[in-house]
């Protein structure tokens, strides 16, 4: 069975733009990510999701899992755990062309980690 591949449009808009803010992600006292190079993905009327370059993530804290999901607008997502927080980080390693800039970046479930957005000065 083939999965649908949908293109963002007026009925389901998706924008990917450079974030103007600094994004810091912590789990407990540990900083997992710190960047001024995040991308802000706005999908329809969902909250903004920040995609952080892998270069700005402490990858030693990420453990890849077997979990995966599929989004008809973005493609296949792979997941990572941090300590006891299972599948708290995701990545679209080969995203669909409409969101290609999020490749080689990760996003975090903000209800599981502390994600701080620091306004640009």
PDB file of N, CA and C in Angstrom:
ATOM      1  N   UNK A   1       0.839  -1.175   0.000  1.00  0.00           N
ATOM      2  CA  UNK A   1       0.000   0.000   0.000  1.00  0.00           C
ATOM      3  C   UNK A   1       0.889   1.245   0.000  1.00  0.00           C
ATOM      4  N   UNK A   2       0.631   2.147  -0.908  1.00  0.00           N
ATOM      5  CA  UNK A   2       1.457   3.356  -0.971  1.00  0.00           C
ATOM      6  C   UNK A   2       0.905   4.401  -0.004  1.00  0.00           C
ATOM      7  N   UNK A   3       1.815   5.205   0.496  1.00  0.00           N
ATOM      8  CA  UNK A   3       1.422   6.255   1.431  1.00  0.00           C
ATOM      9  C   UNK A   3       1.243   7.552   0.667  1.00  0.00           C
ATOM     10  N   UNK A   4       0.328   8.399   1.115  1.00  0.00           N
ATOM     11  CA  UNK A   4       0.107   9.671   0.416  1.00  0.00           C
ATOM     12  C   UNK A   4       1.294  10.608   0.587  1.00  0.00           C
ATOM     13  N   UNK A   5       1.574  11.370  -0.449  1.00  0.00           N
ATOM     14  CA  UNK A   5       2.581  12.436  -0.411  1.00  0.00           C
ATOM     15  C   UNK A   5       1.847  13.711  -0.770  1.00  0.00           C
ATOM     16  N   UNK A   6       1.639  14.563   0.229  1.00  0.00           N
ATOM     17  CA  UNK A   6       0.867  15.776   0.023  1.00  0.00           C
ATOM     18  C   UNK A   6       1.774  16.991  -0.066  1.00  0.00           C
ATOM     19  N   UNK A   7       1.352  17.961  -0.847  1.00  0.00           N
ATOM     20  CA  UNK A   7       2.099  19.198  -1.045  1.00  0.00           C
ATOM     21  C   UNK A   7       1.434  20.298  -0.214  1.00  0.00           C
ATOM     22  N   UNK A   8       2.220  21.038   0.592  1.00  0.00           N
ATOM     23  CA  UNK A   8       1.624  22.141   1.336  1.00  0.00           C
ATOM     24  C   UNK A   8       0.958  23.138   0.387  1.00  0.00           C
ATOM     25  N   UNK A   9      -0.128  23.708   0.819  1.00  0.00           N
ATOM     26  CA  UNK A   9      -0.858  24.688   0.011  1.00  0.00           C
ATOM     27  C   UNK A   9      -1.765  25.506   0.902  1.00  0.00           C
ATOM     28  N   UNK A  10      -2.699  26.244   0.308  1.00  0.00           N
ATOM     29  CA  UNK A  10      -3.572  27.123   1.086  1.00  0.00           C
ATOM     30  C   UNK A  10      -4.376  26.391   2.173  1.00  0.00           C
ATOM     31  N   UNK A  11      -4.752  25.136   1.910  1.00  0.00           N
ATOM     32  CA  UNK A  11      -5.530  24.384   2.888  1.00  0.00           C
ATOM     33  C   UNK A  11      -4.660  23.804   4.020  1.00  0.00           C
ATOM     34  N   UNK A  12      -3.360  23.689   3.794  1.00  0.00           N
ATOM     35  CA  UNK A  12      -2.418  23.174   4.805  1.00  0.00           C
ATOM     36  C   UNK A  12      -1.050  23.801   4.535  1.00  0.00           C
ATOM     37  N   UNK A  13      -0.875  25.078   4.907  1.00  0.00           N
ATOM     38  CA  UNK A  13       0.394  25.754   4.613  1.00  0.00           C
ATOM     39  C   UNK A  13       1.513  25.289   5.555  1.00  0.00           C
ATOM     40  N   UNK A  14       2.715  25.251   5.010  1.00  0.00           N
ATOM     41  CA  UNK A  14       3.918  24.985   5.800  1.00  0.00           C
ATOM     42  C   UNK A  14       4.981  25.983   5.346  1.00  0.00           C
ATOM     43  N   UNK A  15       5.560  26.686   6.318  1.00  0.00           N
ATOM     44  CA  UNK A  15       6.678  27.578   6.017  1.00  0.00           C
ATOM     45  C   UNK A  15       7.870  27.159   6.860  1.00  0.00           C
ATOM     46  N   UNK A  16       9.051  27.317   6.279  1.00  0.00           N
ATOM     47  CA  UNK A  16      10.304  27.048   6.981  1.00  0.00           C
ATOM     48  C   UNK A  16      11.162  28.286   6.809  1.00  0.00           C
ATOM     49  N   UNK A  17      11.481  28.935   7.930  1.00  0.00           N
ATOM     50  CA  UNK A  17      12.257  30.170   7.876  1.00  0.00           C
ATOM     51  C   UNK A  17      13.309  30.165   8.975  1.00  0.00           C
ATOM     52  N   UNK A  18      14.411  30.877   8.763  1.00  0.00           N
ATOM     53  CA  UNK A  18      15.401  30.999   9.841  1.00  0.00           C
ATOM     54  C   UNK A  18      14.763  31.630  11.080  1.00  0.00           C
ATOM     55  N   UNK A  19      15.029  31.037  12.230  1.00  0.00           N
ATOM     56  CA  UNK A  19      14.546  31.615  13.487  1.00  0.00           C
ATOM     57  C   UNK A  19      15.443  32.793  13.847  1.00  0.00           C
ATOM     58  N   UNK A  20      14.851  33.841  14.339  1.00  0.00           N
ATOM     59  CA  UNK A  20      15.628  35.013  14.744  1.00  0.00           C
ATOM     60  C   UNK A  20      16.168  34.851  16.160  1.00  0.00           C
ATOM     61  N   UNK A  21      15.636  33.875  16.889  1.00  0.00           N
ATOM     62  CA  UNK A  21      15.974  33.689  18.290  1.00  0.00           C
ATOM     63  C   UNK A  21      17.094  32.653  18.482  1.00  0.00           C
ATOM     64  N   UNK A  22      17.676  32.685  19.678  1.00  0.00           N
ATOM     65  CA  UNK A  22      18.591  31.632  20.122  1.00  0.00           C
ATOM     66  C   UNK A  22      17.735  30.576  20.810  1.00  0.00           C
ATOM     67  N   UNK A  23      17.978  29.319  20.495  1.00  0.00           N
ATOM     68  CA  UNK A  23      17.219  28.212  21.071  1.00  0.00           C
ATOM     69  C   UNK A  23      18.164  27.378  21.931  1.00  0.00           C
ATOM     70  N   UNK A  24      17.775  27.158  23.196  1.00  0.00           N
ATOM     71  CA  UNK A  24      18.549  26.324  24.117  1.00  0.00           C
ATOM     72  C   UNK A  24      17.636  25.214  24.616  1.00  0.00           C
ATOM     73  N   UNK A  25      18.117  23.971  24.525  1.00  0.00           N
ATOM     74  CA  UNK A  25      17.347  22.817  24.985  1.00  0.00           C
ATOM     75  C   UNK A  25      18.100  22.163  26.130  1.00  0.00           C
ATOM     76  N   UNK A  26      17.381  21.953  27.240  1.00  0.00           N
ATOM     77  CA  UNK A  26      17.967  21.295  28.415  1.00  0.00           C
ATOM     78  C   UNK A  26      17.117  20.109  28.829  1.00  0.00           C
ATOM     79  N   UNK A  27      17.798  19.109  29.351  1.00  0.00           N
ATOM     80  CA  UNK A  27      17.139  18.004  30.041  1.00  0.00           C
ATOM     81  C   UNK A  27      17.768  17.990  31.422  1.00  0.00           C
ATOM     82  N   UNK A  28      16.997  18.363  32.406  1.00  0.00           N
ATOM     83  CA  UNK A  28      17.557  18.548  33.744  1.00  0.00           C
ATOM     84  C   UNK A  28      18.559  19.688  33.688  1.00  0.00           C
ATOM     85  N   UNK A  29      19.757  19.446  34.205  1.00  0.00           N
ATOM     86  CA  UNK A  29      20.811  20.462  34.215  1.00  0.00           C
ATOM     87  C   UNK A  29      21.668  20.437  32.944  1.00  0.00           C
ATOM     88  N   UNK A  30      21.474  19.417  32.097  1.00  0.00           N
ATOM     89  CA  UNK A  30      22.327  19.249  30.915  1.00  0.00           C
ATOM     90  C   UNK A  30      21.780  20.018  29.718  1.00  0.00           C
ATOM     91  N   UNK A  31      22.669  20.756  29.067  1.00  0.00           N
ATOM     92  CA  UNK A  31      22.308  21.409  27.806  1.00  0.00           C
ATOM     93  C   UNK A  31      22.480  20.379  26.691  1.00  0.00           C
ATOM     94  N   UNK A  32      21.410  20.129  25.969  1.00  0.00           N
ATOM     95  CA  UNK A  32      21.429  19.164  24.870  1.00  0.00           C
ATOM     96  C   UNK A  32      21.676  19.874  23.543  1.00  0.00           C
ATOM     97  N   UNK A  33      21.178  21.102  23.421  1.00  0.00           N
ATOM     98  CA  UNK A  33      21.345  21.866  22.180  1.00  0.00           C
ATOM     99  C   UNK A  33      21.363  23.356  22.505  1.00  0.00           C
ATOM    100  N   UNK A  34      22.147  24.082  21.715  1.00  0.00           N
ATOM    101  CA  UNK A  34      22.245  25.533  21.874  1.00  0.00           C
ATOM    102  C   UNK A  34      22.593  26.088  20.498  1.00  0.00           C
ATOM    103  N   UNK A  35      21.701  26.902  19.942  1.00  0.00           N
ATOM    104  CA  UNK A  35      21.930  27.367  18.572  1.00  0.00           C
ATOM    105  C   UNK A  35      21.334  28.741  18.313  1.00  0.00           C
ATOM    106  N   UNK A  36      21.949  29.441  17.392  1.00  0.00           N
ATOM    107  CA  UNK A  36      21.372  30.656  16.809  1.00  0.00           C
ATOM    108  C   UNK A  36      21.081  30.408  15.326  1.00  0.00           C
ATOM    109  N   UNK A  37      21.095  29.117  14.934  1.00  0.00           N
ATOM    110  CA  UNK A  37      20.913  28.724  13.537  1.00  0.00           C
ATOM    111  C   UNK A  37      19.717  27.784  13.362  1.00  0.00           C
ATOM    112  N   UNK A  38      18.700  27.913  14.204  1.00  0.00           N
ATOM    113  CA  UNK A  38      17.516  27.053  14.089  1.00  0.00           C
ATOM    114  C   UNK A  38      16.639  27.505  12.928  1.00  0.00           C
ATOM    115  N   UNK A  39      15.837  26.581  12.452  1.00  0.00           N
ATOM    116  CA  UNK A  39      14.788  26.898  11.489  1.00  0.00           C
ATOM    117  C   UNK A  39      13.454  26.770  12.205  1.00  0.00           C
ATOM    118  N   UNK A  40      12.558  27.716  11.949  1.00  0.00           N
ATOM    119  CA  UNK A  40      11.217  27.691  12.525  1.00  0.00           C
ATOM    120  C   UNK A  40      10.260  27.151  11.462  1.00  0.00           C
ATOM    121  N   UNK A  41       9.662  26.001  11.746  1.00  0.00           N
ATOM    122  CA  UNK A  41       8.692  25.411  10.838  1.00  0.00           C
ATOM    123  C   UNK A  41       7.306  25.694  11.379  1.00  0.00           C
ATOM    124  N   UNK A  42       6.503  26.379  10.586  1.00  0.00           N
ATOM    125  CA  UNK A  42       5.112  26.665  10.949  1.00  0.00           C
ATOM    126  C   UNK A  42       4.223  25.849  10.028  1.00  0.00           C
ATOM    127  N   UNK A  43       3.491  24.913  10.608  1.00  0.00           N
ATOM    128  CA  UNK A  43       2.611  24.043   9.824  1.00  0.00           C
ATOM    129  C   UNK A  43       1.165  24.312  10.207  1.00  0.00           C
ATOM    130  N   UNK A  44       0.397  24.755   9.217  1.00  0.00           N
ATOM    131  CA  UNK A  44      -1.027  25.079   9.420  1.00  0.00           C
ATOM    132  C   UNK A  44      -1.167  25.916  10.691  1.00  0.00           C
ATOM    133  N   UNK A  45      -2.058  25.505  11.594  1.00  0.00           N
ATOM    134  CA  UNK A  45      -2.226  26.289  12.817  1.00  0.00           C
ATOM    135  C   UNK A  45      -1.626  25.585  14.037  1.00  0.00           C
ATOM    136  N   UNK A  46      -0.653  24.705  13.810  1.00  0.00           N
ATOM    137  CA  UNK A  46       0.073  24.060  14.906  1.00  0.00           C
ATOM    138  C   UNK A  46       1.109  25.035  15.460  1.00  0.00           C
ATOM    139  N   UNK A  47       1.580  24.795  16.693  1.00  0.00           N
ATOM    140  CA  UNK A  47       2.659  25.647  17.226  1.00  0.00           C
ATOM    141  C   UNK A  47       3.934  25.524  16.383  1.00  0.00           C
ATOM    142  N   UNK A  48       4.739  26.566  16.389  1.00  0.00           N
ATOM    143  CA  UNK A  48       6.025  26.557  15.677  1.00  0.00           C
ATOM    144  C   UNK A  48       6.903  25.447  16.250  1.00  0.00           C
ATOM    145  N   UNK A  49       7.615  24.753  15.362  1.00  0.00           N
ATOM    146  CA  UNK A  49       8.590  23.736  15.771  1.00  0.00           C
ATOM    147  C   UNK A  49       9.957  24.212  15.305  1.00  0.00           C
ATOM    148  N   UNK A  50      10.923  24.198  16.227  1.00  0.00           N
ATOM    149  CA  UNK A  50      12.280  24.615  15.900  1.00  0.00           C
ATOM    150  C   UNK A  50      13.107  23.400  15.528  1.00  0.00           C
ATOM    151  N   UNK A  51      13.719  23.452  14.358  1.00  0.00           N
ATOM    152  CA  UNK A  51      14.623  22.394  13.889  1.00  0.00           C
ATOM    153  C   UNK A  51      16.051  22.899  14.049  1.00  0.00           C
ATOM    154  N   UNK A  52      16.823  22.153  14.820  1.00  0.00           N
ATOM    155  CA  UNK A  52      18.163  22.563  15.228  1.00  0.00           C
ATOM    156  C   UNK A  52      19.205  21.758  14.474  1.00  0.00           C
ATOM    157  N   UNK A  53      20.240  22.417  13.943  1.00  0.00           N
ATOM    158  CA  UNK A  53      21.285  21.687  13.220  1.00  0.00           C
ATOM    159  C   UNK A  53      21.966  20.671  14.138  1.00  0.00           C
ATOM    160  N   UNK A  54      22.233  19.496  13.599  1.00  0.00           N
ATOM    161  CA  UNK A  54      22.927  18.463  14.381  1.00  0.00           C
ATOM    162  C   UNK A  54      24.258  18.961  14.914  1.00  0.00           C
ATOM    163  N   UNK A  55      24.901  19.873  14.207  1.00  0.00           N
ATOM    164  CA  UNK A  55      26.187  20.412  14.654  1.00  0.00           C
ATOM    165  C   UNK A  55      26.061  21.158  15.980  1.00  0.00           C
ATOM    166  N   UNK A  56      24.846  21.610  16.334  1.00  0.00           N
ATOM    167  CA  UNK A  56      24.625  22.359  17.563  1.00  0.00           C
ATOM    168  C   UNK A  56      23.952  21.519  18.649  1.00  0.00           C
ATOM    169  N   UNK A  57      23.971  20.207  18.471  1.00  0.00           N
ATOM    170  CA  UNK A  57      23.363  19.271  19.418  1.00  0.00           C
ATOM    171  C   UNK A  57      24.455  18.393  20.007  1.00  0.00           C
ATOM    172  N   UNK A  58      24.386  18.145  21.313  1.00  0.00           N
ATOM    173  CA  UNK A  58      25.302  17.204  21.958  1.00  0.00           C
ATOM    174  C   UNK A  58      24.801  15.796  21.637  1.00  0.00           C
ATOM    175  N   UNK A  59      25.292  15.250  20.542  1.00  0.00           N
ATOM    176  CA  UNK A  59      24.802  13.954  20.063  1.00  0.00           C
ATOM    177  C   UNK A  59      25.117  12.811  21.016  1.00  0.00           C
ATOM    178  N   UNK A  60      26.082  13.008  21.917  1.00  0.00           N
ATOM    179  CA  UNK A  60      26.412  11.938  22.868  1.00  0.00           C
ATOM    180  C   UNK A  60      25.234  11.662  23.806  1.00  0.00           C
ATOM    181  N   UNK A  61      24.294  12.596  23.902  1.00  0.00           N
ATOM    182  CA  UNK A  61      23.128  12.399  24.763  1.00  0.00           C
ATOM    183  C   UNK A  61      21.957  11.726  24.043  1.00  0.00           C
ATOM    184  N   UNK A  62      22.050  11.581  22.719  1.00  0.00           N
ATOM    185  CA  UNK A  62      20.960  10.998  21.935  1.00  0.00           C
ATOM    186  C   UNK A  62      21.182   9.503  21.706  1.00  0.00           C
ATOM    187  N   UNK A  63      20.140   8.732  21.943  1.00  0.00           N
ATOM    188  CA  UNK A  63      20.174   7.305  21.614  1.00  0.00           C
ATOM    189  C   UNK A  63      19.082   7.031  20.588  1.00  0.00           C
ATOM    190  N   UNK A  64      19.501   6.579  19.412  1.00  0.00           N
ATOM    191  CA  UNK A  64      18.535   6.301  18.343  1.00  0.00           C
ATOM    192  C   UNK A  64      17.632   5.146  18.751  1.00  0.00           C
ATOM    193  N   UNK A  65      16.364   5.254  18.398  1.00  0.00           N
ATOM    194  CA  UNK A  65      15.412   4.187  18.698  1.00  0.00           C
ATOM    195  C   UNK A  65      14.880   3.595  17.395  1.00  0.00           C
ATOM    196  N   UNK A  66      14.079   2.547  17.518  1.00  0.00           N
ATOM    197  CA  UNK A  66      13.465   1.920  16.340  1.00  0.00           C
ATOM    198  C   UNK A  66      12.153   2.599  15.952  1.00  0.00           C
ATOM    199  N   UNK A  67      11.715   3.548  16.761  1.00  0.00           N
ATOM    200  CA  UNK A  67      10.436   4.216  16.521  1.00  0.00           C
ATOM    201  C   UNK A  67      10.519   5.085  15.262  1.00  0.00           C
ATOM    202  N   UNK A  68       9.443   5.113  14.494  1.00  0.00           N
ATOM    203  CA  UNK A  68       9.361   5.995  13.330  1.00  0.00           C
ATOM    204  C   UNK A  68       7.903   6.386  13.114  1.00  0.00           C
ATOM    205  N   UNK A  69       7.717   7.518  12.447  1.00  0.00           N
ATOM    206  CA  UNK A  69       6.375   7.961  12.078  1.00  0.00           C
ATOM    207  C   UNK A  69       6.431   8.490  10.648  1.00  0.00           C
ATOM    208  N   UNK A  70       5.258   8.710  10.098  1.00  0.00           N
ATOM    209  CA  UNK A  70       5.170   9.218   8.734  1.00  0.00           C
ATOM    210  C   UNK A  70       4.245  10.425   8.695  1.00  0.00           C
ATOM    211  N   UNK A  71       4.691  11.475   8.046  1.00  0.00           N
ATOM    212  CA  UNK A  71       3.872  12.656   7.796  1.00  0.00           C
ATOM    213  C   UNK A  71       3.719  12.800   6.282  1.00  0.00           C
ATOM    214  N   UNK A  72       2.513  12.894   5.769  1.00  0.00           N
ATOM    215  CA  UNK A  72       2.340  12.997   4.317  1.00  0.00           C
ATOM    216  C   UNK A  72       2.903  14.294   3.729  1.00  0.00           C
ATOM    217  N   UNK A  73       3.205  15.294   4.567  1.00  0.00           N
ATOM    218  CA  UNK A  73       3.767  16.557   4.095  1.00  0.00           C
ATOM    219  C   UNK A  73       5.289  16.612   4.223  1.00  0.00           C
ATOM    220  N   UNK A  74       5.823  15.838   5.184  1.00  0.00           N
ATOM    221  CA  UNK A  74       7.266  15.937   5.465  1.00  0.00           C
ATOM    222  C   UNK A  74       8.032  14.652   5.176  1.00  0.00           C
ATOM    223  N   UNK A  75       7.412  13.494   5.307  1.00  0.00           N
ATOM    224  CA  UNK A  75       8.088  12.221   5.040  1.00  0.00           C
ATOM    225  C   UNK A  75       8.231  11.382   6.295  1.00  0.00           C
ATOM    226  N   UNK A  76       9.272  10.534   6.313  1.00  0.00           N
ATOM    227  CA  UNK A  76       9.521   9.611   7.416  1.00  0.00           C
ATOM    228  C   UNK A  76      10.376  10.269   8.492  1.00  0.00           C
ATOM    229  N   UNK A  77       9.951  10.127   9.739  1.00  0.00           N
ATOM    230  CA  UNK A  77      10.700  10.678  10.866  1.00  0.00           C
ATOM    231  C   UNK A  77      11.340   9.543  11.659  1.00  0.00           C
ATOM    232  N   UNK A  78      12.591   9.758  12.046  1.00  0.00           N
ATOM    233  CA  UNK A  78      13.319   8.858  12.939  1.00  0.00           C
ATOM    234  C   UNK A  78      13.356   9.504  14.317  1.00  0.00           C
ATOM    235  N   UNK A  79      13.539   8.684  15.346  1.00  0.00           N
ATOM    236  CA  UNK A  79      13.454   9.193  16.719  1.00  0.00           C
ATOM    237  C   UNK A  79      14.675   8.834  17.554  1.00  0.00           C
ATOM    238  N   UNK A  80      14.866   9.644  18.606  1.00  0.00           N
ATOM    239  CA  UNK A  80      15.950   9.462  19.565  1.00  0.00           C
ATOM    240  C   UNK A  80      15.395   9.627  20.970  1.00  0.00           C
ATOM    241  N   UNK A  81      16.024   8.939  21.903  1.00  0.00           N
ATOM    242  CA  UNK A  81      15.727   9.119  23.314  1.00  0.00           C
ATOM    243  C   UNK A  81      16.885   9.862  23.954  1.00  0.00           C
ATOM    244  N   UNK A  82      16.594  10.492  25.086  1.00  0.00           N
ATOM    245  CA  UNK A  82      17.624  11.130  25.915  1.00  0.00           C
ATOM    246  C   UNK A  82      17.421  10.570  27.314  1.00  0.00           C
ATOM    247  N   UNK A  83      18.352   9.728  27.764  1.00  0.00           N
ATOM    248  CA  UNK A  83      18.201   9.098  29.075  1.00  0.00           C
ATOM    249  C   UNK A  83      16.903   8.325  29.145  1.00  0.00           C
ATOM    250  N   UNK A  84      16.072   8.645  30.151  1.00  0.00           N
ATOM    251  CA  UNK A  84      14.789   7.954  30.344  1.00  0.00           C
ATOM    252  C   UNK A  84      13.657   8.542  29.508  1.00  0.00           C
ATOM    253  N   UNK A  85      13.939   9.590  28.763  1.00  0.00           N
ATOM    254  CA  UNK A  85      12.911  10.227  27.930  1.00  0.00           C
ATOM    255  C   UNK A  85      12.898   9.559  26.557  1.00  0.00           C
ATOM    256  N   UNK A  86      11.947   8.663  26.358  1.00  0.00           N
ATOM    257  CA  UNK A  86      11.892   7.886  25.118  1.00  0.00           C
ATOM    258  C   UNK A  86      11.271   8.678  23.974  1.00  0.00           C
ATOM    259  N   UNK A  87      11.917   8.588  22.821  1.00  0.00           N
ATOM    260  CA  UNK A  87      11.389   9.173  21.577  1.00  0.00           C
ATOM    261  C   UNK A  87      11.019  10.644  21.741  1.00  0.00           C
ATOM    262  N   UNK A  88      11.915  11.399  22.351  1.00  0.00           N
ATOM    263  CA  UNK A  88      11.667  12.806  22.648  1.00  0.00           C
ATOM    264  C   UNK A  88      12.232  13.739  21.574  1.00  0.00           C
ATOM    265  N   UNK A  89      13.041  13.186  20.679  1.00  0.00           N
ATOM    266  CA  UNK A  89      13.695  13.947  19.610  1.00  0.00           C
ATOM    267  C   UNK A  89      13.356  13.271  18.289  1.00  0.00           C
ATOM    268  N   UNK A  90      13.079  14.064  17.243  1.00  0.00           N
ATOM    269  CA  UNK A  90      12.835  13.459  15.946  1.00  0.00           C
ATOM    270  C   UNK A  90      13.582  14.204  14.855  1.00  0.00           C
ATOM    271  N   UNK A  91      13.731  13.502  13.736  1.00  0.00           N
ATOM    272  CA  UNK A  91      14.458  14.055  12.596  1.00  0.00           C
ATOM    273  C   UNK A  91      13.873  13.496  11.303  1.00  0.00           C
ATOM    274  N   UNK A  92      13.740  14.366  10.321  1.00  0.00           N
ATOM    275  CA  UNK A  92      13.378  13.937   8.969  1.00  0.00           C
ATOM    276  C   UNK A  92      14.677  13.910   8.177  1.00  0.00           C
ATOM    277  N   UNK A  93      15.280  12.742   8.076  1.00  0.00           N
ATOM    278  CA  UNK A  93      16.602  12.644   7.448  1.00  0.00           C
ATOM    279  C   UNK A  93      16.551  12.898   5.949  1.00  0.00           C
ATOM    280  N   UNK A  94      15.466  12.473   5.302  1.00  0.00           N
ATOM    281  CA  UNK A  94      15.259  12.754   3.878  1.00  0.00           C
ATOM    282  C   UNK A  94      13.851  13.300   3.691  1.00  0.00           C
ATOM    283  N   UNK A  95      13.661  14.548   4.101  1.00  0.00           N
ATOM    284  CA  UNK A  95      12.319  15.123   4.026  1.00  0.00           C
ATOM    285  C   UNK A  95      11.891  15.365   2.579  1.00  0.00           C
ATOM    286  N   UNK A  96      10.600  15.513   2.401  1.00  0.00           N
ATOM    287  CA  UNK A  96      10.076  15.840   1.082  1.00  0.00           C
ATOM    288  C   UNK A  96      10.588  17.226   0.650  1.00  0.00           C
ATOM    289  N   UNK A  97      10.643  17.464  -0.665  1.00  0.00           N
ATOM    290  CA  UNK A  97      11.223  18.713  -1.183  1.00  0.00           C
ATOM    291  C   UNK A  97      10.650  19.997  -0.584  1.00  0.00           C
ATOM    292  N   UNK A  98       9.373  20.025  -0.256  1.00  0.00           N
ATOM    293  CA  UNK A  98       8.753  21.255   0.269  1.00  0.00           C
ATOM    294  C   UNK A  98       9.359  21.688   1.605  1.00  0.00           C
ATOM    295  N   UNK A  99       9.946  20.738   2.339  1.00  0.00           N
ATOM    296  CA  UNK A  99      10.543  21.057   3.648  1.00  0.00           C
ATOM    297  C   UNK A  99      11.999  20.602   3.709  1.00  0.00           C
ATOM    298  N   UNK A 100      12.628  20.499   2.577  1.00  0.00           N
ATOM    299  CA  UNK A 100      14.007  20.000   2.481  1.00  0.00           C
ATOM    300  C   UNK A 100      14.992  20.696   3.428  1.00  0.00           C
ATOM    301  N   UNK A 101      14.833  21.967   3.734  1.00  0.00           N
ATOM    302  CA  UNK A 101      15.797  22.613   4.639  1.00  0.00           C
ATOM    303  C   UNK A 101      15.897  21.978   6.029  1.00  0.00           C
ATOM    304  N   UNK A 102      14.899  21.198   6.464  1.00  0.00           N
ATOM    305  CA  UNK A 102      14.973  20.605   7.799  1.00  0.00           C
ATOM    306  C   UNK A 102      15.832  19.342   7.845  1.00  0.00           C
ATOM    307  N   UNK A 103      16.367  18.915   6.707  1.00  0.00           N
ATOM    308  CA  UNK A 103      17.273  17.750   6.690  1.00  0.00           C
ATOM    309  C   UNK A 103      18.483  18.055   7.567  1.00  0.00           C
ATOM    310  N   UNK A 104      19.026  17.026   8.196  1.00  0.00           N
ATOM    311  CA  UNK A 104      20.207  17.142   9.068  1.00  0.00           C
ATOM    312  C   UNK A 104      19.947  18.052  10.263  1.00  0.00           C
ATOM    313  N   UNK A 105      18.693  18.092  10.704  1.00  0.00           N
ATOM    314  CA  UNK A 105      18.291  18.865  11.875  1.00  0.00           C
ATOM    315  C   UNK A 105      17.376  17.994  12.727  1.00  0.00           C
ATOM    316  N   UNK A 106      17.255  18.355  13.991  1.00  0.00           N
ATOM    317  CA  UNK A 106      16.378  17.628  14.899  1.00  0.00           C
ATOM    318  C   UNK A 106      15.428  18.602  15.582  1.00  0.00           C
ATOM    319  N   UNK A 107      14.304  18.050  16.042  1.00  0.00           N
ATOM    320  CA  UNK A 107      13.322  18.817  16.808  1.00  0.00           C
ATOM    321  C   UNK A 107      13.034  18.053  18.100  1.00  0.00           C
ATOM    322  N   UNK A 108      12.525  18.772  19.087  1.00  0.00           N
ATOM    323  CA  UNK A 108      12.310  18.212  20.417  1.00  0.00           C
ATOM    324  C   UNK A 108      10.857  18.391  20.844  1.00  0.00           C
ATOM    325  N   UNK A 109      10.321  17.398  21.563  1.00  0.00           N
ATOM    326  CA  UNK A 109       8.993  17.542  22.157  1.00  0.00           C
ATOM    327  C   UNK A 109       9.115  18.489  23.339  1.00  0.00           C
ATOM    328  N   UNK A 110       8.508  19.658  23.211  1.00  0.00           N
ATOM    329  CA  UNK A 110       8.674  20.705  24.224  1.00  0.00           C
ATOM    330  C   UNK A 110       7.934  20.402  25.521  1.00  0.00           C
ATOM    331  N   UNK A 111       7.070  19.402  25.521  1.00  0.00           N
ATOM    332  CA  UNK A 111       6.428  19.008  26.776  1.00  0.00           C
ATOM    333  C   UNK A 111       7.286  18.000  27.551  1.00  0.00           C
ATOM    334  N   UNK A 112       8.426  17.603  26.964  1.00  0.00           N
ATOM    335  CA  UNK A 112       9.308  16.621  27.603  1.00  0.00           C
ATOM    336  C   UNK A 112      10.671  17.203  27.978  1.00  0.00           C
ATOM    337  N   UNK A 113      11.080  18.265  27.293  1.00  0.00           N
ATOM    338  CA  UNK A 113      12.367  18.910  27.562  1.00  0.00           C
ATOM    339  C   UNK A 113      12.100  20.384  27.868  1.00  0.00           C
ATOM    340  N   UNK A 114      13.111  21.063  28.348  1.00  0.00           N
ATOM    341  CA  UNK A 114      13.001  22.510  28.561  1.00  0.00           C
ATOM    342  C   UNK A 114      13.597  23.202  27.333  1.00  0.00           C
ATOM    343  N   UNK A 115      12.769  23.807  26.532  1.00  0.00           N
ATOM    344  CA  UNK A 115      13.212  24.526  25.343  1.00  0.00           C
ATOM    345  C   UNK A 115      13.020  26.013  25.608  1.00  0.00           C
ATOM    346  N   UNK A 116      14.129  26.743  25.621  1.00  0.00           N
ATOM    347  CA  UNK A 116      14.094  28.176  25.899  1.00  0.00           C
ATOM    348  C   UNK A 116      14.350  28.948  24.613  1.00  0.00           C
ATOM    349  N   UNK A 117      13.482  29.901  24.343  1.00  0.00           N
ATOM    350  CA  UNK A 117      13.632  30.778  23.194  1.00  0.00           C
ATOM    351  C   UNK A 117      14.097  32.129  23.729  1.00  0.00           C
ATOM    352  N   UNK A 118      15.311  32.517  23.342  1.00  0.00           N
ATOM    353  CA  UNK A 118      15.891  33.774  23.810  1.00  0.00           C
ATOM    354  C   UNK A 118      15.780  34.786  22.660  1.00  0.00           C
ATOM    355  N   UNK A 119      15.064  35.857  22.907  1.00  0.00           N
ATOM    356  CA  UNK A 119      14.855  36.868  21.875  1.00  0.00           C
ATOM    357  C   UNK A 119      16.182  37.457  21.423  1.00  0.00           C
ATOM    358  N   UNK A 120      16.285  37.725  20.126  1.00  0.00           N
ATOM    359  CA  UNK A 120      17.493  38.344  19.558  1.00  0.00           C
ATOM    360  C   UNK A 120      17.643  39.745  20.139  1.00  0.00           C
ATOM    361  N   UNK A 121      18.902  40.140  20.307  1.00  0.00           N
ATOM    362  CA  UNK A 121      19.176  41.464  20.879  1.00  0.00           C
ATOM    363  C   UNK A 121      19.463  42.478  19.809  1.00  0.00           C
TER     364      UNK A 121
END
